[in-house]
Amino acid sequence: MTEPEACGDEFDKAEIADRRFIVAGRQTPRVFHFVETSLDEIPQSVDKIIDRLRVFAVLAESVRSSV
């Protein structure tokens, strides 16, 4: 294992960085598509739960009013 240099902030040579423009909104990787698809399913699941709770609340109110 190499030991850290005492003056690590000083360099002997420069390095040219590769510069390219980033174009947003192009073809996204497949992974993002799967994540987006799974996130789209969450509101649908919540809507189903809310609909079931509404039905349960109506049934509970009708039982309560008939007693």
Protein backbone atom coordinates (compact mmCIF):
# COMPACT_ATOMS: atom_id res chain seq x y z
CA MET A 1 0.00 0.00 0.00
CA THR A 2 1.38 3.41 -0.90
CA GLU A 3 1.90 6.08 1.69
CA PRO A 4 0.29 9.52 1.24
CA GLU A 5 2.56 12.30 0.07
CA ALA A 6 3.41 15.09 2.50
CA CYS A 7 2.54 17.78 -0.06
CA GLY A 8 -0.32 16.14 -1.90
CA ASP A 9 -1.70 19.48 -3.08
CA GLU A 10 1.35 20.18 -5.25
CA PHE A 11 1.52 18.59 -8.70
CA ASP A 12 4.47 18.16 -11.02
CA LYS A 13 2.45 17.94 -14.23
CA ALA A 14 -0.87 19.18 -15.55
CA GLU A 15 -3.63 17.06 -17.02
CA ILE A 16 -6.00 18.11 -19.81
CA ALA A 17 -9.58 17.31 -19.00
CA ASP A 18 -11.91 15.90 -21.63
CA ARG A 19 -14.77 18.36 -22.14
CA ARG A 20 -18.06 17.48 -23.76
CA PHE A 21 -21.48 19.07 -23.75
CA ILE A 22 -24.23 17.27 -21.91
CA VAL A 23 -27.52 17.16 -23.76
CA ALA A 24 -30.41 16.68 -21.37
CA GLY A 25 -33.59 14.96 -22.42
CA ARG A 26 -32.04 12.49 -24.79
CA GLN A 27 -32.43 8.73 -24.57
CA THR A 28 -32.54 7.77 -20.91
CA PRO A 29 -31.08 4.49 -19.73
CA ARG A 30 -33.40 1.55 -19.28
CA VAL A 31 -32.88 1.64 -15.53
CA PHE A 32 -34.55 5.03 -15.32
CA HIS A 33 -37.48 3.71 -17.32
CA PHE A 34 -38.02 0.88 -14.82
CA VAL A 35 -37.78 3.29 -11.88
CA GLU A 36 -40.25 5.68 -13.51
CA THR A 37 -42.65 2.82 -14.22
CA SER A 38 -42.54 1.63 -10.62
CA LEU A 39 -43.07 5.17 -9.33
CA ASP A 40 -46.09 5.55 -11.62
CA GLU A 41 -47.69 2.53 -9.96
CA ILE A 42 -47.60 4.06 -6.46
CA PRO A 43 -50.40 6.64 -6.99
CA GLN A 44 -52.57 3.95 -8.56
CA SER A 45 -52.13 1.75 -5.48
CA VAL A 46 -52.95 4.67 -3.19
CA ASP A 47 -56.11 5.40 -5.21
CA LYS A 48 -57.25 1.79 -4.79
CA ILE A 49 -56.68 1.94 -1.03
CA ILE A 50 -58.61 5.22 -0.75
CA ASP A 51 -61.51 3.79 -2.77
CA ARG A 52 -61.68 0.75 -0.46
CA LEU A 53 -61.60 2.98 2.63
CA ARG A 54 -64.45 5.08 1.24
CA VAL A 55 -66.57 1.96 0.68
CA PHE A 56 -65.77 0.77 4.20
CA ALA A 57 -66.70 4.18 5.65
CA VAL A 58 -70.04 4.19 3.81
CA LEU A 59 -70.82 0.65 5.00
CA ALA A 60 -69.82 1.49 8.57
CA GLU A 61 -72.03 4.62 8.52
CA SER A 62 -75.01 2.65 7.18
CA VAL A 63 -74.58 0.02 9.92
CA ARG A 64 -74.23 2.72 12.57
CA SER A 65 -77.37 4.55 11.41
CA SER A 66 -79.45 1.35 11.32
CA VAL A 67 -78.65 0.46 14.95
